[in-house]
Amino acid sequence: MASLLKASSNVFRSEKLPFLSRSKTRQGVVPKKVTFRSVPVALSLSTSTGTIEHDPISNSPDIAIPILVNGCTGKMGKSVIQAADSAGLHVVPVSFDAEKNSGQTVELCGKKILVHGPSDRERILASVFQEYPNLIVVDYTVPAAVNDNAELYGKVGVPFVMGTTGGDRDQLYKTVEESKVYAVISPQMGKQVVAFLAAMEIMAEQFPGAFSGYSLQVMESHQAGKLDTSGTAKAIISCFQKLG
């Protein structure tokens, strides 16, 4: 059966937290007829990057978990490859990208990664998956490729991590649920941010309309080369809408 981990929707939500229950809060439920003063509230969320040290699992391709990183010509794709290599994972020297990048060779961490375009990706992926049965695909491509790529992974049967934001998210979840693959889908891969989003969703469900009458805003800064609207910001805004 397929297993879909849609962070932050299913993260930290296996049990209802007693201290968030309306019936058990010391202050009680906010009365419906309360007039709030309109005060702008701004949320600033930023993440920092640094060098992460890993204990290598193994440098042997026969033991290390094989991963195929799609979008290796981009900043995130390259960062994932470098992090995976330092962690001792086996980076498969194959990647999928736009047709204009087909045939290129990207050199990273002492490896030469051959880039393939969309035309022959199904055949190539099936071949790689046959060679590496425990393969995991990590996707950091572009929003326009999200749904087509997910359908490809489901068709071939390879589990994947979708780090790319954008696309039709409802269709993306449906594709995964109808396939027989495991998938991790999240607008943000930082564990602290995932935990924060989970807490926001719990609060939005437990206290709908609690901030009615207030103005809530999301301000985010990110790299200049980011191509799509922040998935993290979208998730926070969704919670704000439920909160009032």
C-alpha atoms as a PDB file:
ATOM      1  CA  MET A   1       0.000   0.000   0.000  1.00  0.00           C
ATOM      2  CA  ALA A   2       1.060   3.549  -0.571  1.00  0.00           C
ATOM      3  CA  SER A   3       2.253   5.633   2.336  1.00  0.00           C
ATOM      4  CA  LEU A   4       2.114   9.403   2.136  1.00  0.00           C
ATOM      5  CA  LEU A   5       3.860  11.585   4.680  1.00  0.00           C
ATOM      6  CA  LYS A   6       2.536  15.063   4.021  1.00  0.00           C
ATOM      7  CA  ALA A   7       4.411  17.300   6.398  1.00  0.00           C
ATOM      8  CA  SER A   8       3.272  19.169   8.270  1.00  0.00           C
ATOM      9  CA  SER A   9      -0.296  17.839   8.028  1.00  0.00           C
ATOM     10  CA  ASN A  10       0.490  14.412   9.477  1.00  0.00           C
ATOM     11  CA  VAL A  11       3.515  15.267  11.605  1.00  0.00           C
ATOM     12  CA  PHE A  12       3.089  15.342  15.401  1.00  0.00           C
ATOM     13  CA  ARG A  13      -0.657  14.693  15.087  1.00  0.00           C
ATOM     14  CA  SER A  14      -1.001  11.067  16.140  1.00  0.00           C
ATOM     15  CA  GLU A  15      -2.524  12.177  19.456  1.00  0.00           C
ATOM     16  CA  LYS A  16      -4.498  15.178  20.664  1.00  0.00           C
ATOM     17  CA  LEU A  17      -2.364  17.194  23.044  1.00  0.00           C
ATOM     18  CA  PRO A  18      -4.249  17.586  26.355  1.00  0.00           C
ATOM     19  CA  PHE A  19      -2.856  21.043  27.070  1.00  0.00           C
ATOM     20  CA  LEU A  20      -4.387  22.293  23.839  1.00  0.00           C
ATOM     21  CA  SER A  21      -7.860  20.980  24.602  1.00  0.00           C
ATOM     22  CA  ARG A  22     -10.464  23.730  25.006  1.00  0.00           C
ATOM     23  CA  SER A  23     -12.108  21.952  27.900  1.00  0.00           C
ATOM     24  CA  LYS A  24      -8.854  21.815  29.857  1.00  0.00           C
ATOM     25  CA  THR A  25      -7.371  25.273  29.360  1.00  0.00           C
ATOM     26  CA  ARG A  26      -7.201  27.383  32.500  1.00  0.00           C
ATOM     27  CA  GLN A  27      -8.398  30.515  30.756  1.00  0.00           C
ATOM     28  CA  GLY A  28     -11.348  28.782  29.149  1.00  0.00           C
ATOM     29  CA  VAL A  29     -12.767  29.353  25.667  1.00  0.00           C
ATOM     30  CA  VAL A  30     -12.736  32.945  24.414  1.00  0.00           C
ATOM     31  CA  PRO A  31     -16.350  34.266  24.406  1.00  0.00           C
ATOM     32  CA  LYS A  32     -17.858  34.754  20.984  1.00  0.00           C
ATOM     33  CA  LYS A  33     -18.807  38.405  21.553  1.00  0.00           C
ATOM     34  CA  VAL A  34     -15.428  39.906  22.277  1.00  0.00           C
ATOM     35  CA  THR A  35     -14.318  43.118  20.595  1.00  0.00           C
ATOM     36  CA  PHE A  36     -10.658  43.020  19.631  1.00  0.00           C
ATOM     37  CA  ARG A  37      -8.495  46.028  18.995  1.00  0.00           C
ATOM     38  CA  SER A  38      -7.063  45.948  15.459  1.00  0.00           C
ATOM     39  CA  VAL A  39      -3.330  45.597  16.001  1.00  0.00           C
ATOM     40  CA  PRO A  40      -0.982  44.509  13.189  1.00  0.00           C
ATOM     41  CA  VAL A  41       0.897  41.342  14.034  1.00  0.00           C
ATOM     42  CA  ALA A  42       3.899  40.389  11.955  1.00  0.00           C
ATOM     43  CA  LEU A  43       5.608  37.031  11.904  1.00  0.00           C
ATOM     44  CA  SER A  44       9.192  36.938  10.720  1.00  0.00           C
ATOM     45  CA  LEU A  45      10.556  33.489   9.938  1.00  0.00           C
ATOM     46  CA  SER A  46      14.098  32.940   8.814  1.00  0.00           C
ATOM     47  CA  THR A  47      16.460  30.021   8.642  1.00  0.00           C
ATOM     48  CA  SER A  48      20.209  30.014   8.654  1.00  0.00           C
ATOM     49  CA  THR A  49      22.536  27.784   6.742  1.00  0.00           C
ATOM     50  CA  GLY A  50      25.800  26.370   7.951  1.00  0.00           C
ATOM     51  CA  THR A  51      28.115  23.435   7.668  1.00  0.00           C
ATOM     52  CA  ILE A  52      26.561  20.223   8.920  1.00  0.00           C
ATOM     53  CA  GLU A  53      28.870  17.429   9.961  1.00  0.00           C
ATOM     54  CA  HIS A  54      27.716  13.875   9.402  1.00  0.00           C
ATOM     55  CA  ASP A  55      29.048  10.550  10.515  1.00  0.00           C
ATOM     56  CA  PRO A  56      29.546   8.632   7.268  1.00  0.00           C
ATOM     57  CA  ILE A  57      27.428   5.503   7.086  1.00  0.00           C
ATOM     58  CA  SER A  58      29.602   3.813   4.518  1.00  0.00           C
ATOM     59  CA  ASN A  59      31.381   4.791   1.349  1.00  0.00           C
ATOM     60  CA  SER A  60      30.613   1.448  -0.243  1.00  0.00           C
ATOM     61  CA  PRO A  61      27.890   1.591  -2.945  1.00  0.00           C
ATOM     62  CA  ASP A  62      26.929  -1.955  -1.942  1.00  0.00           C
ATOM     63  CA  ILE A  63      25.957  -0.840   1.570  1.00  0.00           C
ATOM     64  CA  ALA A  64      25.085   2.852   1.387  1.00  0.00           C
ATOM     65  CA  ILE A  65      21.538   3.933   0.530  1.00  0.00           C
ATOM     66  CA  PRO A  66      21.387   4.984  -3.131  1.00  0.00           C
ATOM     67  CA  ILE A  67      19.706   8.288  -3.961  1.00  0.00           C
ATOM     68  CA  LEU A  68      19.011   9.947  -7.287  1.00  0.00           C
ATOM     69  CA  VAL A  69      18.770  13.735  -7.097  1.00  0.00           C
ATOM     70  CA  ASN A  70      16.694  15.384  -9.800  1.00  0.00           C
ATOM     71  CA  GLY A  71      17.475  19.022 -10.491  1.00  0.00           C
ATOM     72  CA  CYS A  72      21.199  18.674  -9.831  1.00  0.00           C
ATOM     73  CA  THR A  73      21.943  21.805 -11.873  1.00  0.00           C
ATOM     74  CA  GLY A  74      20.156  23.997  -9.304  1.00  0.00           C
ATOM     75  CA  LYS A  75      21.398  25.265  -5.947  1.00  0.00           C
ATOM     76  CA  MET A  76      19.210  22.980  -3.832  1.00  0.00           C
ATOM     77  CA  GLY A  77      19.990  19.941  -5.949  1.00  0.00           C
ATOM     78  CA  LYS A  78      23.711  20.539  -5.578  1.00  0.00           C
ATOM     79  CA  SER A  79      23.360  21.112  -1.829  1.00  0.00           C
ATOM     80  CA  VAL A  80      21.448  17.848  -1.407  1.00  0.00           C
ATOM     81  CA  ILE A  81      24.116  15.925  -3.316  1.00  0.00           C
ATOM     82  CA  GLN A  82      26.883  17.421  -1.186  1.00  0.00           C
ATOM     83  CA  ALA A  83      25.002  16.676   2.046  1.00  0.00           C
ATOM     84  CA  ALA A  84      24.200  13.119   0.929  1.00  0.00           C
ATOM     85  CA  ASP A  85      27.797  12.462  -0.028  1.00  0.00           C
ATOM     86  CA  SER A  86      29.103  13.756   3.303  1.00  0.00           C
ATOM     87  CA  ALA A  87      26.566  11.528   5.096  1.00  0.00           C
ATOM     88  CA  GLY A  88      27.918   8.461   3.315  1.00  0.00           C
ATOM     89  CA  LEU A  89      24.981   7.896   0.973  1.00  0.00           C
ATOM     90  CA  HIS A  90      25.552   6.636  -2.547  1.00  0.00           C
ATOM     91  CA  VAL A  91      24.651   9.344  -5.054  1.00  0.00           C
ATOM     92  CA  VAL A  92      23.669   7.703  -8.337  1.00  0.00           C
ATOM     93  CA  PRO A  93      25.438   9.526 -11.221  1.00  0.00           C
ATOM     94  CA  VAL A  94      22.160  10.203 -13.032  1.00  0.00           C
ATOM     95  CA  SER A  95      19.780  13.164 -12.849  1.00  0.00           C
ATOM     96  CA  PHE A  96      16.756  14.544 -14.721  1.00  0.00           C
ATOM     97  CA  ASP A  97      16.361  18.170 -15.679  1.00  0.00           C
ATOM     98  CA  ALA A  98      14.981  20.436 -18.397  1.00  0.00           C
ATOM     99  CA  GLU A  99      15.571  19.471 -22.019  1.00  0.00           C
ATOM    100  CA  LYS A 100      18.002  22.369 -22.446  1.00  0.00           C
ATOM    101  CA  ASN A 101      20.299  20.784 -19.842  1.00  0.00           C
ATOM    102  CA  SER A 102      20.112  17.281 -21.335  1.00  0.00           C
ATOM    103  CA  GLY A 103      23.530  15.821 -22.051  1.00  0.00           C
ATOM    104  CA  GLN A 104      25.356  17.983 -19.543  1.00  0.00           C
ATOM    105  CA  THR A 105      27.702  16.482 -16.996  1.00  0.00           C
ATOM    106  CA  VAL A 106      27.691  17.995 -13.520  1.00  0.00           C
ATOM    107  CA  GLU A 107      30.788  17.331 -11.425  1.00  0.00           C
ATOM    108  CA  LEU A 108      30.155  17.262  -7.682  1.00  0.00           C
ATOM    109  CA  CYS A 109      31.951  15.526  -4.823  1.00  0.00           C
ATOM    110  CA  GLY A 110      34.247  13.750  -7.237  1.00  0.00           C
ATOM    111  CA  LYS A 111      31.322  12.330  -9.210  1.00  0.00           C
ATOM    112  CA  LYS A 112      30.282  13.014 -12.788  1.00  0.00           C
ATOM    113  CA  ILE A 113      26.486  13.149 -12.925  1.00  0.00           C
ATOM    114  CA  LEU A 114      24.913  12.813 -16.363  1.00  0.00           C
ATOM    115  CA  VAL A 115      21.807  14.942 -16.890  1.00  0.00           C
ATOM    116  CA  HIS A 116      18.904  13.527 -18.938  1.00  0.00           C
ATOM    117  CA  GLY A 117      15.977  15.444 -20.402  1.00  0.00           C
ATOM    118  CA  PRO A 118      12.257  14.565 -20.103  1.00  0.00           C
ATOM    119  CA  SER A 119      12.151  12.492 -23.304  1.00  0.00           C
ATOM    120  CA  ASP A 120      13.914   9.364 -22.011  1.00  0.00           C
ATOM    121  CA  ARG A 121      13.513   9.747 -18.267  1.00  0.00           C
ATOM    122  CA  GLU A 122      11.080   6.828 -17.769  1.00  0.00           C
ATOM    123  CA  ARG A 123      13.410   4.340 -19.431  1.00  0.00           C
ATOM    124  CA  ILE A 124      16.435   5.671 -17.563  1.00  0.00           C
ATOM    125  CA  LEU A 125      14.694   5.710 -14.174  1.00  0.00           C
ATOM    126  CA  ALA A 126      13.374   2.165 -14.626  1.00  0.00           C
ATOM    127  CA  SER A 127      16.883   0.995 -15.511  1.00  0.00           C
ATOM    128  CA  VAL A 128      18.442   2.700 -12.483  1.00  0.00           C
ATOM    129  CA  PHE A 129      15.702   1.355 -10.187  1.00  0.00           C
ATOM    130  CA  GLN A 130      16.355  -2.160 -11.457  1.00  0.00           C
ATOM    131  CA  GLU A 131      20.048  -1.755 -10.655  1.00  0.00           C
ATOM    132  CA  TYR A 132      19.325  -0.181  -7.257  1.00  0.00           C
ATOM    133  CA  PRO A 133      16.109  -1.752  -5.852  1.00  0.00           C
ATOM    134  CA  ASN A 134      16.316   0.358  -2.667  1.00  0.00           C
ATOM    135  CA  LEU A 135      16.674   3.613  -4.613  1.00  0.00           C
ATOM    136  CA  ILE A 136      15.170   6.856  -3.288  1.00  0.00           C
ATOM    137  CA  VAL A 137      14.598   9.860  -5.556  1.00  0.00           C
ATOM    138  CA  VAL A 138      14.992  13.382  -4.185  1.00  0.00           C
ATOM    139  CA  ASP A 139      13.234  16.018  -6.284  1.00  0.00           C
ATOM    140  CA  TYR A 140      14.388  19.643  -6.326  1.00  0.00           C
ATOM    141  CA  THR A 141      13.339  20.668  -9.812  1.00  0.00           C
ATOM    142  CA  VAL A 142      10.809  23.385 -10.763  1.00  0.00           C
ATOM    143  CA  PRO A 143       7.102  23.896  -9.905  1.00  0.00           C
ATOM    144  CA  ALA A 144       5.974  23.128 -13.466  1.00  0.00           C
ATOM    145  CA  ALA A 145       7.521  19.642 -13.246  1.00  0.00           C
ATOM    146  CA  VAL A 146       6.118  18.604  -9.860  1.00  0.00           C
ATOM    147  CA  ASN A 147       3.027  16.695 -11.003  1.00  0.00           C
ATOM    148  CA  ASP A 148       4.597  15.034 -14.040  1.00  0.00           C
ATOM    149  CA  ASN A 149       7.568  13.922 -11.969  1.00  0.00           C
ATOM    150  CA  ALA A 150       5.343  12.499  -9.229  1.00  0.00           C
ATOM    151  CA  GLU A 151       3.380  10.526 -11.815  1.00  0.00           C
ATOM    152  CA  LEU A 152       6.657   9.175 -13.192  1.00  0.00           C
ATOM    153  CA  TYR A 153       7.895   8.067  -9.771  1.00  0.00           C
ATOM    154  CA  GLY A 154       4.567   6.398  -9.054  1.00  0.00           C
ATOM    155  CA  LYS A 155       4.522   4.655 -12.422  1.00  0.00           C
ATOM    156  CA  VAL A 156       8.026   3.258 -12.002  1.00  0.00           C
ATOM    157  CA  GLY A 157       7.356   2.465  -8.337  1.00  0.00           C
ATOM    158  CA  VAL A 158      10.257   4.331  -6.764  1.00  0.00           C
ATOM    159  CA  PRO A 159       9.830   6.107  -3.399  1.00  0.00           C
ATOM    160  CA  PHE A 160      10.642   9.797  -3.424  1.00  0.00           C
ATOM    161  CA  VAL A 161      11.088  12.993  -1.458  1.00  0.00           C
ATOM    162  CA  MET A 162       9.377  16.001  -3.051  1.00  0.00           C
ATOM    163  CA  GLY A 163      11.255  19.078  -1.929  1.00  0.00           C
ATOM    164  CA  THR A 164       9.983  21.139  -4.851  1.00  0.00           C
ATOM    165  CA  THR A 165       7.103  23.455  -3.993  1.00  0.00           C
ATOM    166  CA  GLY A 166       4.345  24.556  -6.348  1.00  0.00           C
ATOM    167  CA  GLY A 167       2.328  22.541  -8.823  1.00  0.00           C
ATOM    168  CA  ASP A 168      -1.148  21.183  -8.114  1.00  0.00           C
ATOM    169  CA  ARG A 169      -0.683  19.962  -4.549  1.00  0.00           C
ATOM    170  CA  ASP A 170      -4.080  18.241  -4.287  1.00  0.00           C
ATOM    171  CA  GLN A 171      -3.326  16.306  -7.457  1.00  0.00           C
ATOM    172  CA  LEU A 172       0.136  15.521  -6.111  1.00  0.00           C
ATOM    173  CA  TYR A 173      -1.284  13.940  -2.949  1.00  0.00           C
ATOM    174  CA  LYS A 174      -3.845  12.031  -4.995  1.00  0.00           C
ATOM    175  CA  THR A 175      -1.140  10.687  -7.308  1.00  0.00           C
ATOM    176  CA  VAL A 176       0.869   9.377  -4.377  1.00  0.00           C
ATOM    177  CA  GLU A 177      -2.134   7.874  -2.615  1.00  0.00           C
ATOM    178  CA  GLU A 178      -3.186   6.027  -5.761  1.00  0.00           C
ATOM    179  CA  SER A 179       0.294   4.658  -6.407  1.00  0.00           C
ATOM    180  CA  LYS A 180       2.204   2.030  -4.470  1.00  0.00           C
ATOM    181  CA  VAL A 181       5.119   4.191  -3.410  1.00  0.00           C
ATOM    182  CA  TYR A 182       6.279   5.895  -0.251  1.00  0.00           C
ATOM    183  CA  ALA A 183       6.641   9.664  -0.459  1.00  0.00           C
ATOM    184  CA  VAL A 184       7.644  12.556   1.759  1.00  0.00           C
ATOM    185  CA  ILE A 185       6.099  15.864   0.697  1.00  0.00           C
ATOM    186  CA  SER A 186       6.769  19.069   2.568  1.00  0.00           C
ATOM    187  CA  PRO A 187       7.054  22.785   1.761  1.00  0.00           C
ATOM    188  CA  GLN A 188      10.008  22.915   4.149  1.00  0.00           C
ATOM    189  CA  MET A 189      12.548  20.253   5.059  1.00  0.00           C
ATOM    190  CA  GLY A 190      14.032  21.921   8.154  1.00  0.00           C
ATOM    191  CA  LYS A 191      12.851  19.879  11.148  1.00  0.00           C
ATOM    192  CA  GLN A 192      12.392  22.972  13.318  1.00  0.00           C
ATOM    193  CA  VAL A 193      10.186  24.629  10.699  1.00  0.00           C
ATOM    194  CA  VAL A 194       8.205  21.408  10.194  1.00  0.00           C
ATOM    195  CA  ALA A 195       7.600  21.279  13.954  1.00  0.00           C
ATOM    196  CA  PHE A 196       6.519  24.938  13.927  1.00  0.00           C
ATOM    197  CA  LEU A 197       4.065  24.345  11.062  1.00  0.00           C
ATOM    198  CA  ALA A 198       2.627  21.330  12.875  1.00  0.00           C
ATOM    199  CA  ALA A 199       2.105  23.453  15.994  1.00  0.00           C
ATOM    200  CA  MET A 200       0.419  26.150  13.900  1.00  0.00           C
ATOM    201  CA  GLU A 201      -1.985  23.607  12.386  1.00  0.00           C
ATOM    202  CA  ILE A 202      -2.867  22.204  15.797  1.00  0.00           C
ATOM    203  CA  MET A 203      -3.559  25.712  17.107  1.00  0.00           C
ATOM    204  CA  ALA A 204      -5.658  26.554  14.047  1.00  0.00           C
ATOM    205  CA  GLU A 205      -7.772  23.429  14.577  1.00  0.00           C
ATOM    206  CA  GLN A 206      -8.121  23.834  18.348  1.00  0.00           C
ATOM    207  CA  PHE A 207      -8.747  27.594  18.395  1.00  0.00           C
ATOM    208  CA  PRO A 208     -10.442  28.662  15.142  1.00  0.00           C
ATOM    209  CA  GLY A 209     -11.109  32.389  14.994  1.00  0.00           C
ATOM    210  CA  ALA A 210      -8.962  33.099  18.061  1.00  0.00           C
ATOM    211  CA  PHE A 211      -7.251  36.009  16.308  1.00  0.00           C
ATOM    212  CA  SER A 212     -10.369  37.452  14.706  1.00  0.00           C
ATOM    213  CA  GLY A 213     -10.057  41.229  14.568  1.00  0.00           C
ATOM    214  CA  TYR A 214      -6.290  41.214  14.305  1.00  0.00           C
ATOM    215  CA  SER A 215      -4.148  41.682  11.231  1.00  0.00           C
ATOM    216  CA  LEU A 216      -1.703  38.817  10.687  1.00  0.00           C
ATOM    217  CA  GLN A 217       1.106  38.960   8.155  1.00  0.00           C
ATOM    218  CA  VAL A 218       3.890  36.675   7.000  1.00  0.00           C
ATOM    219  CA  MET A 219       7.227  38.164   6.019  1.00  0.00           C
ATOM    220  CA  GLU A 220       9.892  35.878   4.610  1.00  0.00           C
ATOM    221  CA  SER A 221      13.318  36.344   3.106  1.00  0.00           C
ATOM    222  CA  HIS A 222      14.946  33.764   0.878  1.00  0.00           C
ATOM    223  CA  GLN A 223      17.534  33.394  -1.854  1.00  0.00           C
ATOM    224  CA  ALA A 224      17.203  35.665  -4.879  1.00  0.00           C
ATOM    225  CA  GLY A 225      17.091  32.718  -7.277  1.00  0.00           C
ATOM    226  CA  LYS A 226      13.982  31.098  -5.771  1.00  0.00           C
ATOM    227  CA  LEU A 227      11.505  30.530  -8.616  1.00  0.00           C
ATOM    228  CA  ASP A 228       8.224  30.006  -6.778  1.00  0.00           C
ATOM    229  CA  THR A 229       6.243  31.427  -3.892  1.00  0.00           C
ATOM    230  CA  SER A 230       7.338  30.135  -0.508  1.00  0.00           C
ATOM    231  CA  GLY A 231       5.520  26.926   0.414  1.00  0.00           C
ATOM    232  CA  THR A 232       6.220  27.655   4.081  1.00  0.00           C
ATOM    233  CA  ALA A 233       4.543  31.047   3.799  1.00  0.00           C
ATOM    234  CA  LYS A 234       1.517  29.488   2.088  1.00  0.00           C
ATOM    235  CA  ALA A 235       1.157  26.933   4.886  1.00  0.00           C
ATOM    236  CA  ILE A 236       1.353  29.615   7.580  1.00  0.00           C
ATOM    237  CA  ILE A 237      -1.178  31.817   5.776  1.00  0.00           C
ATOM    238  CA  SER A 238      -3.574  28.863   5.604  1.00  0.00           C
ATOM    239  CA  CYS A 239      -3.353  28.544   9.394  1.00  0.00           C
ATOM    240  CA  PHE A 240      -3.814  32.295   9.847  1.00  0.00           C
ATOM    241  CA  GLN A 241      -7.013  32.153   7.802  1.00  0.00           C
ATOM    242  CA  LYS A 242      -8.443  29.538  10.165  1.00  0.00           C
ATOM    243  CA  LEU A 243      -7.366  31.556  13.186  1.00  0.00           C
ATOM    244  CA  GLY A 244      -9.256  34.596  11.989  1.00  0.00           C
END
